[in-house]
Amino acid sequence: MPLLPLAALFGVITFVCALFLLVHAFRRSLGTGMMVLLVPFYMPVYAFSQFEHSRKNLILAGFFGSTLLTAVFLGLGAHALEQVMVRPPPPTPF
């Protein structure tokens, strides 16, 4: 099974879960929303300390799990693609 489409699928799941976090942060305040949007490692801090949602566990598991799976499948897919590109050309039939 191709790995890059799986990476794209898990990337979409990560994006949707991040949108939940981002919308909640902007509803809390403009400053918090801008920090979640622009400061790279503030989103996990915000997710565990201030994010309140009825499905918090599912959203956080989806965000962190899908982020990890996206990275793994992107790495494996890039490695497989590199192996195909480096393969020597077939011999000529002469």
Protein backbone atom coordinates (compact mmCIF):
# COMPACT_ATOMS: atom_id res chain seq x y z
CA MET A 1 0.00 0.00 0.00
CA PRO A 2 1.39 3.42 -0.89
CA LEU A 3 2.56 5.33 2.15
CA LEU A 4 2.30 8.91 0.92
CA PRO A 5 -1.53 8.84 0.61
CA LEU A 6 -1.67 7.51 4.17
CA ALA A 7 0.53 10.40 5.26
CA ALA A 8 -1.87 12.80 3.54
CA LEU A 9 -4.87 11.19 5.25
CA PHE A 10 -3.32 11.47 8.70
CA GLY A 11 -2.22 15.01 7.85
CA VAL A 12 -5.85 15.93 7.20
CA ILE A 13 -6.88 14.40 10.53
CA THR A 14 -4.14 16.41 12.27
CA PHE A 15 -5.34 19.56 10.53
CA VAL A 16 -8.96 19.04 11.62
CA CYS A 17 -7.96 18.41 15.24
CA ALA A 18 -5.69 21.48 15.16
CA LEU A 19 -8.62 23.54 13.90
CA PHE A 20 -10.63 22.54 16.98
CA LEU A 21 -7.77 23.74 19.19
CA LEU A 22 -7.28 26.94 17.21
CA VAL A 23 -10.96 27.91 17.18
CA HIS A 24 -11.19 27.30 20.93
CA ALA A 25 -8.10 29.43 21.53
CA PHE A 26 -9.42 32.34 19.47
CA ARG A 27 -12.78 32.15 21.26
CA ARG A 28 -10.90 32.39 24.55
CA SER A 29 -9.00 35.54 23.51
CA LEU A 30 -7.24 37.05 20.53
CA GLY A 31 -3.85 36.88 22.26
CA THR A 32 -4.22 33.20 23.12
CA GLY A 33 -5.33 32.42 19.59
CA MET A 34 -2.36 34.26 18.10
CA MET A 35 0.03 32.44 20.44
CA VAL A 36 -1.43 29.05 19.48
CA LEU A 37 -1.22 30.01 15.81
CA LEU A 38 2.26 31.55 15.76
CA VAL A 39 4.33 30.11 18.63
CA PRO A 40 5.44 26.62 17.54
CA PHE A 41 5.30 24.68 20.80
CA TYR A 42 2.51 26.58 22.53
CA MET A 43 -0.26 24.45 20.98
CA PRO A 44 0.58 21.32 23.06
CA VAL A 45 0.89 23.46 26.20
CA TYR A 46 -2.48 25.06 25.49
CA ALA A 47 -4.05 21.70 24.60
CA PHE A 48 -3.20 20.16 27.96
CA SER A 49 -3.59 23.18 30.22
CA GLN A 50 -6.46 25.33 28.92
CA PHE A 51 -8.39 23.42 26.23
CA GLU A 52 -11.82 22.39 27.49
CA HIS A 53 -14.08 20.34 25.26
CA SER A 54 -16.44 17.43 25.80
CA ARG A 55 -14.31 15.31 23.42
CA LYS A 56 -10.93 16.61 24.61
CA ASN A 57 -9.36 13.14 24.88
CA LEU A 58 -10.41 12.16 21.36
CA ILE A 59 -9.26 15.46 19.84
CA LEU A 60 -5.86 15.38 21.57
CA ALA A 61 -5.32 11.71 20.72
CA GLY A 62 -6.23 12.44 17.12
CA PHE A 63 -3.93 15.45 16.99
CA PHE A 64 -0.84 13.88 18.55
CA GLY A 65 -1.33 10.38 17.13
CA SER A 66 -2.00 11.61 13.61
CA THR A 67 0.95 13.99 13.78
CA LEU A 68 3.22 11.10 14.69
CA LEU A 69 1.78 8.80 12.03
CA THR A 70 2.05 11.54 9.40
CA ALA A 71 5.73 11.98 10.18
CA VAL A 72 6.38 8.24 10.09
CA PHE A 73 4.55 7.67 6.81
CA LEU A 74 6.17 10.71 5.21
CA GLY A 75 9.60 9.44 6.18
CA LEU A 76 8.94 5.91 4.98
CA GLY A 77 7.27 7.14 1.80
CA ALA A 78 10.16 9.47 1.02
CA HIS A 79 12.63 6.64 1.62
CA ALA A 80 10.70 4.31 -0.69
CA LEU A 81 10.51 7.02 -3.34
CA GLU A 82 14.25 7.60 -3.04
CA GLN A 83 14.93 3.88 -3.54
CA VAL A 84 12.89 3.92 -6.75
CA MET A 85 14.70 7.01 -8.02
CA VAL A 86 18.18 5.62 -7.26
CA ARG A 87 17.53 2.25 -8.89
CA PRO A 88 19.93 1.68 -11.81
CA PRO A 89 18.41 1.71 -15.30
CA PRO A 90 17.62 -1.66 -16.88
CA PRO A 91 20.29 -3.09 -19.18
CA THR A 92 19.96 -2.45 -22.90
CA PRO A 93 18.81 -5.44 -24.97
CA PHE A 94 21.80 -5.38 -27.39
